[in-house]
């Protein structure tokens, strides 16, 4: 899976903003925290959910089950708006 090219990612000062281009079917702006930002950064390149969870475990001090749950929730939301190519 990978971030859809019809979305532009901007991360600054701990805030994440995902903006669709005119070609995207989604209309709006997605704002998120450092966790969503980390997930989206990893989605810039082809990856899997397992690889994202692994990278997040190395970056954040949290139990794996919480990281896994948060990654799953983020990916579900991104899929709903068409921001992920699979």
PDB file of N, CA and C in Angstrom:
ATOM      1  N   UNK A   1       0.838  -1.169   0.000  1.00  0.00           N
ATOM      2  CA  UNK A   1       0.000   0.000   0.000  1.00  0.00           C
ATOM      3  C   UNK A   1       0.883   1.231   0.000  1.00  0.00           C
ATOM      4  N   UNK A   2       0.324   2.329  -0.492  1.00  0.00           N
ATOM      5  CA  UNK A   2       1.081   3.565  -0.620  1.00  0.00           C
ATOM      6  C   UNK A   2       0.099   4.741  -0.636  1.00  0.00           C
ATOM      7  N   UNK A   3       0.580   5.903  -0.222  1.00  0.00           N
ATOM      8  CA  UNK A   3      -0.246   7.109  -0.243  1.00  0.00           C
ATOM      9  C   UNK A   3      -0.620   7.432  -1.692  1.00  0.00           C
ATOM     10  N   UNK A   4      -1.884   7.693  -1.922  1.00  0.00           N
ATOM     11  CA  UNK A   4      -2.385   8.030  -3.249  1.00  0.00           C
ATOM     12  C   UNK A   4      -1.754   9.337  -3.717  1.00  0.00           C
ATOM     13  N   UNK A   5      -1.317   9.387  -4.955  1.00  0.00           N
ATOM     14  CA  UNK A   5      -0.647  10.566  -5.503  1.00  0.00           C
ATOM     15  C   UNK A   5      -1.565  11.779  -5.610  1.00  0.00           C
ATOM     16  N   UNK A   6      -2.857  11.581  -5.428  1.00  0.00           N
ATOM     17  CA  UNK A   6      -3.809  12.687  -5.486  1.00  0.00           C
ATOM     18  C   UNK A   6      -3.964  13.383  -4.136  1.00  0.00           C
ATOM     19  N   UNK A   7      -3.066  13.072  -3.194  1.00  0.00           N
ATOM     20  CA  UNK A   7      -3.079  13.716  -1.877  1.00  0.00           C
ATOM     21  C   UNK A   7      -1.700  14.296  -1.593  1.00  0.00           C
ATOM     22  N   UNK A   8      -1.687  15.479  -1.020  1.00  0.00           N
ATOM     23  CA  UNK A   8      -0.443  16.156  -0.680  1.00  0.00           C
ATOM     24  C   UNK A   8      -0.300  16.159   0.837  1.00  0.00           C
ATOM     25  N   UNK A   9       0.856  15.724   1.308  1.00  0.00           N
ATOM     26  CA  UNK A   9       1.134  15.635   2.731  1.00  0.00           C
ATOM     27  C   UNK A   9       2.000  16.811   3.165  1.00  0.00           C
ATOM     28  N   UNK A  10       1.595  17.465   4.256  1.00  0.00           N
ATOM     29  CA  UNK A  10       2.387  18.555   4.832  1.00  0.00           C
ATOM     30  C   UNK A  10       2.495  18.312   6.334  1.00  0.00           C
ATOM     31  N   UNK A  11       3.737  18.282   6.828  1.00  0.00           N
ATOM     32  CA  UNK A  11       3.978  18.080   8.255  1.00  0.00           C
ATOM     33  C   UNK A  11       4.861  19.221   8.738  1.00  0.00           C
ATOM     34  N   UNK A  12       4.377  19.945   9.759  1.00  0.00           N
ATOM     35  CA  UNK A  12       5.153  21.048  10.322  1.00  0.00           C
ATOM     36  C   UNK A  12       4.787  21.237  11.786  1.00  0.00           C
ATOM     37  N   UNK A  13       5.807  21.394  12.610  1.00  0.00           N
ATOM     38  CA  UNK A  13       5.611  21.671  14.036  1.00  0.00           C
ATOM     39  C   UNK A  13       4.679  20.669  14.719  1.00  0.00           C
ATOM     40  N   UNK A  14       4.807  19.397  14.374  1.00  0.00           N
ATOM     41  CA  UNK A  14       4.013  18.364  15.018  1.00  0.00           C
ATOM     42  C   UNK A  14       2.585  18.239  14.517  1.00  0.00           C
ATOM     43  N   UNK A  15       2.201  19.047  13.550  1.00  0.00           N
ATOM     44  CA  UNK A  15       0.855  18.967  12.995  1.00  0.00           C
ATOM     45  C   UNK A  15       0.927  18.405  11.583  1.00  0.00           C
ATOM     46  N   UNK A  16       0.015  17.515  11.278  1.00  0.00           N
ATOM     47  CA  UNK A  16      -0.045  16.870   9.974  1.00  0.00           C
ATOM     48  C   UNK A  16      -1.285  17.350   9.234  1.00  0.00           C
ATOM     49  N   UNK A  17      -1.101  17.689   7.978  1.00  0.00           N
ATOM     50  CA  UNK A  17      -2.224  18.095   7.137  1.00  0.00           C
ATOM     51  C   UNK A  17      -2.132  17.305   5.833  1.00  0.00           C
ATOM     52  N   UNK A  18      -3.219  16.658   5.472  1.00  0.00           N
ATOM     53  CA  UNK A  18      -3.314  15.909   4.227  1.00  0.00           C
ATOM     54  C   UNK A  18      -4.378  16.590   3.378  1.00  0.00           C
ATOM     55  N   UNK A  19      -3.966  17.046   2.191  1.00  0.00           N
ATOM     56  CA  UNK A  19      -4.853  17.824   1.330  1.00  0.00           C
ATOM     57  C   UNK A  19      -5.027  17.104  -0.001  1.00  0.00           C
ATOM     58  N   UNK A  20      -6.264  16.925  -0.435  1.00  0.00           N
ATOM     59  CA  UNK A  20      -6.480  16.292  -1.737  1.00  0.00           C
ATOM     60  C   UNK A  20      -6.246  17.282  -2.869  1.00  0.00           C
ATOM     61  N   UNK A  21      -5.763  16.774  -3.997  1.00  0.00           N
ATOM     62  CA  UNK A  21      -5.657  17.599  -5.200  1.00  0.00           C
ATOM     63  C   UNK A  21      -7.037  17.619  -5.859  1.00  0.00           C
ATOM     64  N   UNK A  22      -7.147  18.333  -6.942  1.00  0.00           N
ATOM     65  CA  UNK A  22      -8.418  18.406  -7.657  1.00  0.00           C
ATOM     66  C   UNK A  22      -8.853  17.080  -8.258  1.00  0.00           C
ATOM     67  N   UNK A  23      -7.914  16.138  -8.391  1.00  0.00           N
ATOM     68  CA  UNK A  23      -8.232  14.837  -8.976  1.00  0.00           C
ATOM     69  C   UNK A  23      -8.804  13.854  -7.957  1.00  0.00           C
ATOM     70  N   UNK A  24      -8.631  14.128  -6.675  1.00  0.00           N
ATOM     71  CA  UNK A  24      -9.114  13.216  -5.627  1.00  0.00           C
ATOM     72  C   UNK A  24     -10.631  13.290  -5.519  1.00  0.00           C
ATOM     73  N   UNK A  25     -11.236  12.181  -5.145  1.00  0.00           N
ATOM     74  CA  UNK A  25     -12.690  12.144  -4.958  1.00  0.00           C
ATOM     75  C   UNK A  25     -13.101  12.753  -3.625  1.00  0.00           C
ATOM     76  N   UNK A  26     -12.164  12.817  -2.690  1.00  0.00           N
ATOM     77  CA  UNK A  26     -12.410  13.381  -1.368  1.00  0.00           C
ATOM     78  C   UNK A  26     -12.265  14.900  -1.425  1.00  0.00           C
ATOM     79  N   UNK A  27     -13.160  15.592  -0.739  1.00  0.00           N
ATOM     80  CA  UNK A  27     -13.104  17.040  -0.674  1.00  0.00           C
ATOM     81  C   UNK A  27     -13.011  17.442   0.789  1.00  0.00           C
ATOM     82  N   UNK A  28     -11.928  18.048   1.172  1.00  0.00           N
ATOM     83  CA  UNK A  28     -11.748  18.455   2.558  1.00  0.00           C
ATOM     84  C   UNK A  28     -10.278  18.392   2.915  1.00  0.00           C
ATOM     85  N   UNK A  29      -9.996  18.597   4.181  1.00  0.00           N
ATOM     86  CA  UNK A  29      -8.629  18.554   4.679  1.00  0.00           C
ATOM     87  C   UNK A  29      -8.595  17.615   5.875  1.00  0.00           C
ATOM     88  N   UNK A  30      -7.569  16.784   5.950  1.00  0.00           N
ATOM     89  CA  UNK A  30      -7.396  15.876   7.083  1.00  0.00           C
ATOM     90  C   UNK A  30      -6.287  16.447   7.949  1.00  0.00           C
ATOM     91  N   UNK A  31      -6.603  16.699   9.215  1.00  0.00           N
ATOM     92  CA  UNK A  31      -5.605  17.194  10.160  1.00  0.00           C
ATOM     93  C   UNK A  31      -5.338  16.097  11.167  1.00  0.00           C
ATOM     94  N   UNK A  32      -4.076  15.959  11.559  1.00  0.00           N
ATOM     95  CA  UNK A  32      -3.747  14.894  12.495  1.00  0.00           C
ATOM     96  C   UNK A  32      -2.565  15.240  13.375  1.00  0.00           C
ATOM     97  N   UNK A  33      -2.273  14.308  14.262  1.00  0.00           N
ATOM     98  CA  UNK A  33      -1.192  14.475  15.222  1.00  0.00           C
ATOM     99  C   UNK A  33       0.084  13.795  14.723  1.00  0.00           C
ATOM    100  N   UNK A  34       1.077  13.669  15.620  1.00  0.00           N
ATOM    101  CA  UNK A  34       2.350  13.043  15.251  1.00  0.00           C
ATOM    102  C   UNK A  34       2.180  11.599  14.812  1.00  0.00           C
ATOM    103  N   UNK A  35       1.233  10.897  15.414  1.00  0.00           N
ATOM    104  CA  UNK A  35       1.008   9.500  15.054  1.00  0.00           C
ATOM    105  C   UNK A  35       0.549   9.388  13.604  1.00  0.00           C
ATOM    106  N   UNK A  36      -0.449  10.169  13.232  1.00  0.00           N
ATOM    107  CA  UNK A  36      -0.926  10.144  11.845  1.00  0.00           C
ATOM    108  C   UNK A  36       0.186  10.603  10.910  1.00  0.00           C
ATOM    109  N   UNK A  37       0.936  11.600  11.321  1.00  0.00           N
ATOM    110  CA  UNK A  37       2.049  12.080  10.509  1.00  0.00           C
ATOM    111  C   UNK A  37       3.066  10.982  10.240  1.00  0.00           C
ATOM    112  N   UNK A  38       3.383  10.202  11.269  1.00  0.00           N
ATOM    113  CA  UNK A  38       4.345   9.106  11.113  1.00  0.00           C
ATOM    114  C   UNK A  38       3.806   8.044  10.164  1.00  0.00           C
ATOM    115  N   UNK A  39       2.533   7.714  10.295  1.00  0.00           N
ATOM    116  CA  UNK A  39       1.913   6.730   9.396  1.00  0.00           C
ATOM    117  C   UNK A  39       1.964   7.234   7.952  1.00  0.00           C
ATOM    118  N   UNK A  40       1.598   8.483   7.760  1.00  0.00           N
ATOM    119  CA  UNK A  40       1.590   9.038   6.405  1.00  0.00           C
ATOM    120  C   UNK A  40       2.995   9.143   5.820  1.00  0.00           C
ATOM    121  N   UNK A  41       3.968   9.470   6.644  1.00  0.00           N
ATOM    122  CA  UNK A  41       5.355   9.499   6.156  1.00  0.00           C
ATOM    123  C   UNK A  41       5.772   8.122   5.651  1.00  0.00           C
ATOM    124  N   UNK A  42       5.399   7.088   6.388  1.00  0.00           N
ATOM    125  CA  UNK A  42       5.739   5.726   5.985  1.00  0.00           C
ATOM    126  C   UNK A  42       5.005   5.310   4.715  1.00  0.00           C
ATOM    127  N   UNK A  43       3.835   5.902   4.487  1.00  0.00           N
ATOM    128  CA  UNK A  43       3.051   5.580   3.292  1.00  0.00           C
ATOM    129  C   UNK A  43       3.563   6.289   2.041  1.00  0.00           C
ATOM    130  N   UNK A  44       4.561   7.131   2.174  1.00  0.00           N
ATOM    131  CA  UNK A  44       5.138   7.773   0.992  1.00  0.00           C
ATOM    132  C   UNK A  44       5.793   6.730   0.084  1.00  0.00           C
ATOM    133  N   UNK A  45       6.264   5.644   0.695  1.00  0.00           N
ATOM    134  CA  UNK A  45       6.859   4.529  -0.043  1.00  0.00           C
ATOM    135  C   UNK A  45       5.963   3.306   0.135  1.00  0.00           C
ATOM    136  N   UNK A  46       6.047   2.386  -0.792  1.00  0.00           N
ATOM    137  CA  UNK A  46       5.276   1.139  -0.707  1.00  0.00           C
ATOM    138  C   UNK A  46       5.593   0.445   0.619  1.00  0.00           C
ATOM    139  N   UNK A  47       4.564   0.034   1.344  1.00  0.00           N
ATOM    140  CA  UNK A  47       4.748  -0.593   2.651  1.00  0.00           C
ATOM    141  C   UNK A  47       3.565  -1.489   2.980  1.00  0.00           C
ATOM    142  N   UNK A  48       3.614  -2.083   4.162  1.00  0.00           N
ATOM    143  CA  UNK A  48       2.516  -2.919   4.644  1.00  0.00           C
ATOM    144  C   UNK A  48       2.139  -2.451   6.054  1.00  0.00           C
ATOM    145  N   UNK A  49       1.003  -2.898   6.513  1.00  0.00           N
ATOM    146  CA  UNK A  49       0.568  -2.562   7.863  1.00  0.00           C
ATOM    147  C   UNK A  49       1.560  -3.091   8.900  1.00  0.00           C
ATOM    148  N   UNK A  50       2.072  -4.284   8.682  1.00  0.00           N
ATOM    149  CA  UNK A  50       3.046  -4.881   9.610  1.00  0.00           C
ATOM    150  C   UNK A  50       4.307  -4.030   9.684  1.00  0.00           C
ATOM    151  N   UNK A  51       4.789  -3.554   8.546  1.00  0.00           N
ATOM    152  CA  UNK A  51       5.988  -2.716   8.529  1.00  0.00           C
ATOM    153  C   UNK A  51       5.733  -1.373   9.214  1.00  0.00           C
ATOM    154  N   UNK A  52       4.548  -0.832   9.038  1.00  0.00           N
ATOM    155  CA  UNK A  52       4.209   0.435   9.692  1.00  0.00           C
ATOM    156  C   UNK A  52       4.198   0.256  11.200  1.00  0.00           C
ATOM    157  N   UNK A  53       3.565  -0.807  11.684  1.00  0.00           N
ATOM    158  CA  UNK A  53       3.522  -1.069  13.128  1.00  0.00           C
ATOM    159  C   UNK A  53       4.938  -1.240  13.668  1.00  0.00           C
ATOM    160  N   UNK A  54       5.776  -1.958  12.960  1.00  0.00           N
ATOM    161  CA  UNK A  54       7.155  -2.180  13.390  1.00  0.00           C
ATOM    162  C   UNK A  54       7.926  -0.859  13.489  1.00  0.00           C
ATOM    163  N   UNK A  55       7.783  -0.020  12.477  1.00  0.00           N
ATOM    164  CA  UNK A  55       8.464   1.278  12.476  1.00  0.00           C
ATOM    165  C   UNK A  55       7.941   2.178  13.597  1.00  0.00           C
ATOM    166  N   UNK A  56       6.651   2.098  13.859  1.00  0.00           N
ATOM    167  CA  UNK A  56       6.051   2.910  14.917  1.00  0.00           C
ATOM    168  C   UNK A  56       6.516   2.440  16.291  1.00  0.00           C
ATOM    169  N   UNK A  57       6.698   1.131  16.468  1.00  0.00           N
ATOM    170  CA  UNK A  57       7.216   0.593  17.731  1.00  0.00           C
ATOM    171  C   UNK A  57       8.613   1.134  18.007  1.00  0.00           C
ATOM    172  N   UNK A  58       9.416   1.259  16.962  1.00  0.00           N
ATOM    173  CA  UNK A  58      10.778   1.765  17.123  1.00  0.00           C
ATOM    174  C   UNK A  58      10.787   3.267  17.425  1.00  0.00           C
ATOM    175  N   UNK A  59       9.768   3.961  16.968  1.00  0.00           N
ATOM    176  CA  UNK A  59       9.725   5.420  17.122  1.00  0.00           C
ATOM    177  C   UNK A  59       9.027   5.887  18.394  1.00  0.00           C
ATOM    178  N   UNK A  60       7.989   5.172  18.811  1.00  0.00           N
ATOM    179  CA  UNK A  60       7.180   5.595  19.952  1.00  0.00           C
ATOM    180  C   UNK A  60       7.276   4.597  21.098  1.00  0.00           C
ATOM    181  N   UNK A  61       7.252   5.100  22.306  1.00  0.00           N
ATOM    182  CA  UNK A  61       7.294   4.268  23.502  1.00  0.00           C
ATOM    183  C   UNK A  61       5.862   3.951  23.921  1.00  0.00           C
ATOM    184  N   UNK A  62       5.317   2.896  23.340  1.00  0.00           N
ATOM    185  CA  UNK A  62       3.945   2.483  23.637  1.00  0.00           C
ATOM    186  C   UNK A  62       3.838   0.981  23.408  1.00  0.00           C
ATOM    187  N   UNK A  63       2.882   0.343  24.079  1.00  0.00           N
ATOM    188  CA  UNK A  63       2.685  -1.097  23.874  1.00  0.00           C
ATOM    189  C   UNK A  63       2.284  -1.395  22.420  1.00  0.00           C
ATOM    190  N   UNK A  64       2.743  -2.547  21.928  1.00  0.00           N
ATOM    191  CA  UNK A  64       2.470  -2.926  20.545  1.00  0.00           C
ATOM    192  C   UNK A  64       0.970  -2.979  20.238  1.00  0.00           C
ATOM    193  N   UNK A  65       0.173  -3.459  21.186  1.00  0.00           N
ATOM    194  CA  UNK A  65      -1.266  -3.561  20.910  1.00  0.00           C
ATOM    195  C   UNK A  65      -1.908  -2.185  20.709  1.00  0.00           C
ATOM    196  N   UNK A  66      -1.424  -1.183  21.403  1.00  0.00           N
ATOM    197  CA  UNK A  66      -1.962   0.170  21.225  1.00  0.00           C
ATOM    198  C   UNK A  66      -1.495   0.740  19.894  1.00  0.00           C
ATOM    199  N   UNK A  67      -0.228   0.543  19.576  1.00  0.00           N
ATOM    200  CA  UNK A  67       0.291   1.014  18.290  1.00  0.00           C
ATOM    201  C   UNK A  67      -0.449   0.332  17.150  1.00  0.00           C
ATOM    202  N   UNK A  68      -0.632  -0.966  17.240  1.00  0.00           N
ATOM    203  CA  UNK A  68      -1.328  -1.716  16.199  1.00  0.00           C
ATOM    204  C   UNK A  68      -2.760  -1.205  16.027  1.00  0.00           C
ATOM    205  N   UNK A  69      -3.446  -0.969  17.128  1.00  0.00           N
ATOM    206  CA  UNK A  69      -4.825  -0.462  17.083  1.00  0.00           C
ATOM    207  C   UNK A  69      -4.869   0.920  16.425  1.00  0.00           C
ATOM    208  N   UNK A  70      -3.934   1.800  16.812  1.00  0.00           N
ATOM    209  CA  UNK A  70      -3.907   3.151  16.251  1.00  0.00           C
ATOM    210  C   UNK A  70      -3.579   3.157  14.766  1.00  0.00           C
ATOM    211  N   UNK A  71      -2.649   2.302  14.353  1.00  0.00           N
ATOM    212  CA  UNK A  71      -2.297   2.199  12.935  1.00  0.00           C
ATOM    213  C   UNK A  71      -3.494   1.690  12.145  1.00  0.00           C
ATOM    214  N   UNK A  72      -4.148   0.665  12.645  1.00  0.00           N
ATOM    215  CA  UNK A  72      -5.327   0.102  11.970  1.00  0.00           C
ATOM    216  C   UNK A  72      -6.412   1.171  11.797  1.00  0.00           C
ATOM    217  N   UNK A  73      -6.654   1.945  12.850  1.00  0.00           N
ATOM    218  CA  UNK A  73      -7.670   3.001  12.809  1.00  0.00           C
ATOM    219  C   UNK A  73      -7.292   4.077  11.786  1.00  0.00           C
ATOM    220  N   UNK A  74      -6.017   4.474  11.777  1.00  0.00           N
ATOM    221  CA  UNK A  74      -5.566   5.482  10.820  1.00  0.00           C
ATOM    222  C   UNK A  74      -5.721   4.986   9.385  1.00  0.00           C
ATOM    223  N   UNK A  75      -5.317   3.738   9.139  1.00  0.00           N
ATOM    224  CA  UNK A  75      -5.416   3.177   7.792  1.00  0.00           C
ATOM    225  C   UNK A  75      -6.867   3.052   7.339  1.00  0.00           C
ATOM    226  N   UNK A  76      -7.755   2.667   8.245  1.00  0.00           N
ATOM    227  CA  UNK A  76      -9.178   2.578   7.895  1.00  0.00           C
ATOM    228  C   UNK A  76      -9.716   3.935   7.465  1.00  0.00           C
ATOM    229  N   UNK A  77      -9.359   4.982   8.210  1.00  0.00           N
ATOM    230  CA  UNK A  77      -9.815   6.328   7.865  1.00  0.00           C
ATOM    231  C   UNK A  77      -9.258   6.786   6.527  1.00  0.00           C
ATOM    232  N   UNK A  78      -7.998   6.496   6.280  1.00  0.00           N
ATOM    233  CA  UNK A  78      -7.375   6.879   5.012  1.00  0.00           C
ATOM    234  C   UNK A  78      -7.979   6.111   3.838  1.00  0.00           C
ATOM    235  N   UNK A  79      -8.310   4.857   4.066  1.00  0.00           N
ATOM    236  CA  UNK A  79      -8.964   4.062   3.004  1.00  0.00           C
ATOM    237  C   UNK A  79     -10.334   4.643   2.665  1.00  0.00           C
ATOM    238  N   UNK A  80     -11.072   5.070   3.677  1.00  0.00           N
ATOM    239  CA  UNK A  80     -12.432   5.599   3.458  1.00  0.00           C
ATOM    240  C   UNK A  80     -12.431   6.811   2.554  1.00  0.00           C
ATOM    241  N   UNK A  81     -11.354   7.620   2.612  1.00  0.00           N
ATOM    242  CA  UNK A  81     -11.320   8.822   1.785  1.00  0.00           C
ATOM    243  C   UNK A  81     -10.535   8.610   0.487  1.00  0.00           C
ATOM    244  N   UNK A  82     -10.064   7.395   0.271  1.00  0.00           N
ATOM    245  CA  UNK A  82      -9.350   7.074  -0.963  1.00  0.00           C
ATOM    246  C   UNK A  82      -7.909   7.552  -0.988  1.00  0.00           C
ATOM    247  N   UNK A  83      -7.305   7.735   0.202  1.00  0.00           N
ATOM    248  CA  UNK A  83      -5.949   8.276   0.273  1.00  0.00           C
ATOM    249  C   UNK A  83      -4.873   7.192   0.152  1.00  0.00           C
ATOM    250  N   UNK A  84      -5.272   5.926   0.092  1.00  0.00           N
ATOM    251  CA  UNK A  84      -4.302   4.834   0.007  1.00  0.00           C
ATOM    252  C   UNK A  84      -4.541   4.044  -1.279  1.00  0.00           C
ATOM    253  N   UNK A  85      -3.456   3.793  -1.987  1.00  0.00           N
ATOM    254  CA  UNK A  85      -3.488   2.880  -3.143  1.00  0.00           C
ATOM    255  C   UNK A  85      -3.001   1.528  -2.656  1.00  0.00           C
ATOM    256  N   UNK A  86      -3.780   0.481  -2.957  1.00  0.00           N
ATOM    257  CA  UNK A  86      -3.380  -0.864  -2.509  1.00  0.00           C
ATOM    258  C   UNK A  86      -3.187  -1.785  -3.689  1.00  0.00           C
TER     259      UNK A  86
END
